[in-house]
Every structure is written in C-alpha cells, then in structure tokens.
Amino acid sequence: MFERKIQFSEDMINSKDLMEKKSALDFIIDALQYLISTQGDSRNEQYKALALSVSDNMDGKVYAVVKKELDELMKLSNEYFDVRHNDYLNAAKEKREALNDSQFIEYLYNRAYAMLYLLRIKHKAVDED
C-alpha cells in the first residue's frame, strides 16, 4: 500500500484538476507519515532514526537538515494546512488554511516527495549492504 500511494500521487500531481493535486499531496504526506510512524515511539525518536539513516553524524548539518525538514513537513501538513485533515482547527485550536493554489500544492508535494525519495533510497542502500 505504501508504494501504491506514492505511485498514485505521482500520477495525480500532474493533473490540471485542483482536487486531484490535493489528493496527490494527501497521498504523499500519508506515505511519509507512515514511514515516520515505523521508526519508533516518540516523534523525536522517529525523526532521529530517519535522520540517522541519511547521515550517521548527529553533529553534522545533513542530519540536522533532515530532522528539521521532517518536523517542518509534518507541521505544514498537520497544523498549517488542510492536508489529510478535515478538521477546521488544529490541535492548538488554530484555523487550518485551505489549499487552493495549485502551484503551492505542487511546491509542498515536491518538498515532501523529495524527502521521501531520499529516505527510500537510503533505506534501500542499507538493505542492499
């Protein structure tokens, strides 16, 4: 199901239809969220494990960038915008903003897709070693 969601998202992001683009973003965020959820119990542990899969130097910039980007992507999708959530308000009782700009949706999609792509190839490289 993980790979199918990614494939569906790849097909839908190229659509001219705004709702299909939003669905593509939902699918790619859902796939990223799934990968994150398989890494540990707490958010910090999960982000740390994935960042370590990219760079084993916890003091390095690559590690810091990956960990921060995971946090930012989840904040954007869970708190700021109406990605994967139908609730009007987020956990902090702040209004989630609707996504109505197809280019911005593509930007968010590509940002999440790039992170997921990096994590998948790093994971595959570890499995092949």
C-alpha atoms as a PDB file:
ATOM      1  CA  MET A   1       0.000   0.000   0.000  1.00  0.00           C
ATOM      2  CA  PHE A   2       2.930   2.328   0.770  1.00  0.00           C
ATOM      3  CA  GLU A   3       4.351   2.109  -2.751  1.00  0.00           C
ATOM      4  CA  ARG A   4       0.877   2.309  -4.323  1.00  0.00           C
ATOM      5  CA  LYS A   5       0.148   5.579  -2.533  1.00  0.00           C
ATOM      6  CA  ILE A   6       3.375   7.019  -3.873  1.00  0.00           C
ATOM      7  CA  GLN A   7       2.561   5.827  -7.382  1.00  0.00           C
ATOM      8  CA  PHE A   8      -0.997   7.240  -7.213  1.00  0.00           C
ATOM      9  CA  SER A   9       0.412  10.547  -6.037  1.00  0.00           C
ATOM     10  CA  GLU A  10       2.891  10.645  -8.919  1.00  0.00           C
ATOM     11  CA  ASP A  11       0.043  10.142 -11.387  1.00  0.00           C
ATOM     12  CA  MET A  12      -2.307  12.691  -9.805  1.00  0.00           C
ATOM     13  CA  ILE A  13       0.110  15.581  -9.224  1.00  0.00           C
ATOM     14  CA  ASN A  14       0.323  16.148 -12.983  1.00  0.00           C
ATOM     15  CA  SER A  15      -3.421  16.621 -13.302  1.00  0.00           C
ATOM     16  CA  LYS A  16      -4.890  20.029 -14.090  1.00  0.00           C
ATOM     17  CA  ASP A  17      -7.643  19.363 -11.548  1.00  0.00           C
ATOM     18  CA  LEU A  18      -7.083  21.066  -8.175  1.00  0.00           C
ATOM     19  CA  MET A  19      -8.752  18.259  -6.212  1.00  0.00           C
ATOM     20  CA  GLU A  20      -6.510  15.646  -7.814  1.00  0.00           C
ATOM     21  CA  LYS A  21      -3.441  17.726  -6.934  1.00  0.00           C
ATOM     22  CA  LYS A  22      -4.702  17.953  -3.346  1.00  0.00           C
ATOM     23  CA  SER A  23      -5.233  14.188  -3.323  1.00  0.00           C
ATOM     24  CA  ALA A  24      -1.677  13.703  -4.589  1.00  0.00           C
ATOM     25  CA  LEU A  25      -0.398  15.828  -1.715  1.00  0.00           C
ATOM     26  CA  ASP A  26      -2.548  13.872   0.742  1.00  0.00           C
ATOM     27  CA  PHE A  27      -1.161  10.573  -0.563  1.00  0.00           C
ATOM     28  CA  ILE A  28       2.489  11.625  -0.465  1.00  0.00           C
ATOM     29  CA  ILE A  29       2.143  13.064   3.051  1.00  0.00           C
ATOM     30  CA  ASP A  30       0.327   9.916   4.126  1.00  0.00           C
ATOM     31  CA  ALA A  31       3.189   7.777   2.784  1.00  0.00           C
ATOM     32  CA  LEU A  32       5.761   9.959   4.540  1.00  0.00           C
ATOM     33  CA  GLN A  33       3.745   9.822   7.765  1.00  0.00           C
ATOM     34  CA  TYR A  34       3.598   6.034   7.514  1.00  0.00           C
ATOM     35  CA  LEU A  35       7.375   5.793   7.088  1.00  0.00           C
ATOM     36  CA  ILE A  36       7.875   8.100  10.079  1.00  0.00           C
ATOM     37  CA  SER A  37       5.484   6.039  12.218  1.00  0.00           C
ATOM     38  CA  THR A  38       7.520   2.863  11.661  1.00  0.00           C
ATOM     39  CA  GLN A  39      10.631   4.345  13.275  1.00  0.00           C
ATOM     40  CA  GLY A  40       9.911   4.476  16.999  1.00  0.00           C
ATOM     41  CA  ASP A  41       7.537   5.588  19.693  1.00  0.00           C
ATOM     42  CA  SER A  42       8.065   9.329  20.039  1.00  0.00           C
ATOM     43  CA  ARG A  43       8.260  11.951  17.307  1.00  0.00           C
ATOM     44  CA  ASN A  44      11.789  12.842  18.339  1.00  0.00           C
ATOM     45  CA  GLU A  45      12.909   9.194  18.143  1.00  0.00           C
ATOM     46  CA  GLN A  46      11.255   8.795  14.755  1.00  0.00           C
ATOM     47  CA  TYR A  47      12.847  11.903  13.238  1.00  0.00           C
ATOM     48  CA  LYS A  48      16.203  10.992  14.778  1.00  0.00           C
ATOM     49  CA  ALA A  49      16.115   7.462  13.315  1.00  0.00           C
ATOM     50  CA  LEU A  50      15.279   8.735   9.837  1.00  0.00           C
ATOM     51  CA  ALA A  51      17.895  11.489  10.006  1.00  0.00           C
ATOM     52  CA  LEU A  52      20.459   8.881  11.083  1.00  0.00           C
ATOM     53  CA  SER A  53      19.534   6.780   8.047  1.00  0.00           C
ATOM     54  CA  VAL A  54      20.738   9.661   5.878  1.00  0.00           C
ATOM     55  CA  SER A  55      23.753  10.732   7.964  1.00  0.00           C
ATOM     56  CA  ASP A  56      25.231   8.965  10.969  1.00  0.00           C
ATOM     57  CA  ASN A  57      26.897  12.174  12.164  1.00  0.00           C
ATOM     58  CA  MET A  58      24.441  13.602  14.687  1.00  0.00           C
ATOM     59  CA  ASP A  59      26.558  16.761  14.901  1.00  0.00           C
ATOM     60  CA  GLY A  60      26.530  17.283  11.143  1.00  0.00           C
ATOM     61  CA  LYS A  61      24.452  19.639   9.060  1.00  0.00           C
ATOM     62  CA  VAL A  62      22.921  16.888   6.901  1.00  0.00           C
ATOM     63  CA  TYR A  63      21.495  15.167   9.985  1.00  0.00           C
ATOM     64  CA  ALA A  64      20.166  18.495  11.283  1.00  0.00           C
ATOM     65  CA  VAL A  65      18.587  19.431   7.945  1.00  0.00           C
ATOM     66  CA  VAL A  66      16.809  16.081   7.538  1.00  0.00           C
ATOM     67  CA  LYS A  67      15.479  16.071  11.096  1.00  0.00           C
ATOM     68  CA  LYS A  68      14.287  19.685  10.830  1.00  0.00           C
ATOM     69  CA  GLU A  69      12.709  19.106   7.400  1.00  0.00           C
ATOM     70  CA  LEU A  70      10.719  16.139   8.708  1.00  0.00           C
ATOM     71  CA  ASP A  71       9.456  18.292  11.557  1.00  0.00           C
ATOM     72  CA  GLU A  72       8.579  21.134   9.178  1.00  0.00           C
ATOM     73  CA  LEU A  73       6.779  18.892   6.702  1.00  0.00           C
ATOM     74  CA  MET A  74       4.635  17.397   9.437  1.00  0.00           C
ATOM     75  CA  LYS A  75       3.931  20.828  10.895  1.00  0.00           C
ATOM     76  CA  LEU A  76       2.868  22.133   7.464  1.00  0.00           C
ATOM     77  CA  SER A  77       0.596  19.188   6.808  1.00  0.00           C
ATOM     78  CA  ASN A  78      -0.847  18.717  10.299  1.00  0.00           C
ATOM     79  CA  GLU A  79      -1.022  22.245  11.662  1.00  0.00           C
ATOM     80  CA  TYR A  80      -0.913  24.887   8.929  1.00  0.00           C
ATOM     81  CA  PHE A  81      -2.899  23.481   6.013  1.00  0.00           C
ATOM     82  CA  ASP A  82      -5.838  21.173   5.373  1.00  0.00           C
ATOM     83  CA  VAL A  83      -3.680  18.235   4.303  1.00  0.00           C
ATOM     84  CA  ARG A  84      -5.066  14.837   5.408  1.00  0.00           C
ATOM     85  CA  HIS A  85      -7.354  16.532   7.936  1.00  0.00           C
ATOM     86  CA  ASN A  86     -10.943  17.601   7.629  1.00  0.00           C
ATOM     87  CA  ASP A  87     -10.977  19.394  10.967  1.00  0.00           C
ATOM     88  CA  TYR A  88     -11.304  23.143  10.737  1.00  0.00           C
ATOM     89  CA  LEU A  89      -8.993  23.688  13.715  1.00  0.00           C
ATOM     90  CA  ASN A  90      -5.644  22.092  14.512  1.00  0.00           C
ATOM     91  CA  ALA A  91      -4.637  20.693  17.905  1.00  0.00           C
ATOM     92  CA  ALA A  92      -3.772  24.199  19.155  1.00  0.00           C
ATOM     93  CA  LYS A  93      -7.287  25.371  18.173  1.00  0.00           C
ATOM     94  CA  GLU A  94      -5.893  27.461  15.325  1.00  0.00           C
ATOM     95  CA  LYS A  95      -7.572  27.551  11.939  1.00  0.00           C
ATOM     96  CA  ARG A  96      -6.050  25.328   9.255  1.00  0.00           C
ATOM     97  CA  GLU A  97      -5.726  27.171   5.969  1.00  0.00           C
ATOM     98  CA  ALA A  98      -7.330  25.712   2.850  1.00  0.00           C
ATOM     99  CA  LEU A  99      -5.023  24.960  -0.059  1.00  0.00           C
ATOM    100  CA  ASN A 100      -6.459  26.490  -3.225  1.00  0.00           C
ATOM    101  CA  ASP A 101      -3.319  27.368  -5.185  1.00  0.00           C
ATOM    102  CA  SER A 102      -2.262  24.526  -7.484  1.00  0.00           C
ATOM    103  CA  GLN A 103       1.343  25.764  -7.781  1.00  0.00           C
ATOM    104  CA  PHE A 104       1.715  25.950  -3.997  1.00  0.00           C
ATOM    105  CA  ILE A 105       0.243  22.456  -3.708  1.00  0.00           C
ATOM    106  CA  GLU A 106       2.866  21.267  -6.204  1.00  0.00           C
ATOM    107  CA  TYR A 107       5.581  23.000  -4.166  1.00  0.00           C
ATOM    108  CA  LEU A 108       4.502  21.228  -0.966  1.00  0.00           C
ATOM    109  CA  TYR A 109       4.147  17.952  -2.855  1.00  0.00           C
ATOM    110  CA  ASN A 110       7.642  18.193  -4.337  1.00  0.00           C
ATOM    111  CA  ARG A 111       9.140  19.104  -0.992  1.00  0.00           C
ATOM    112  CA  ALA A 112       7.577  16.047   0.671  1.00  0.00           C
ATOM    113  CA  TYR A 113       8.302  13.829  -2.340  1.00  0.00           C
ATOM    114  CA  ALA A 114      11.983  14.792  -2.311  1.00  0.00           C
ATOM    115  CA  MET A 115      12.314  13.919   1.384  1.00  0.00           C
ATOM    116  CA  LEU A 116      10.500  10.632   0.916  1.00  0.00           C
ATOM    117  CA  TYR A 117      12.652   9.835  -2.129  1.00  0.00           C
ATOM    118  CA  LEU A 118      15.860  10.463  -0.161  1.00  0.00           C
ATOM    119  CA  LEU A 119      14.696   8.342   2.764  1.00  0.00           C
ATOM    120  CA  ARG A 120      13.652   5.487   0.472  1.00  0.00           C
ATOM    121  CA  ILE A 121      16.961   5.344  -1.408  1.00  0.00           C
ATOM    122  CA  LYS A 122      18.937   5.497   1.838  1.00  0.00           C
ATOM    123  CA  HIS A 123      16.793   2.701   3.263  1.00  0.00           C
ATOM    124  CA  LYS A 124      17.252   0.623   0.089  1.00  0.00           C
ATOM    125  CA  ALA A 125      21.036   1.197   0.204  1.00  0.00           C
ATOM    126  CA  VAL A 126      21.158  -0.125   3.778  1.00  0.00           C
ATOM    127  CA  ASP A 127      19.124  -3.203   2.806  1.00  0.00           C
ATOM    128  CA  GLU A 128      21.494  -3.948  -0.077  1.00  0.00           C
ATOM    129  CA  ASP A 129      24.673  -3.712   2.062  1.00  0.00           C
END
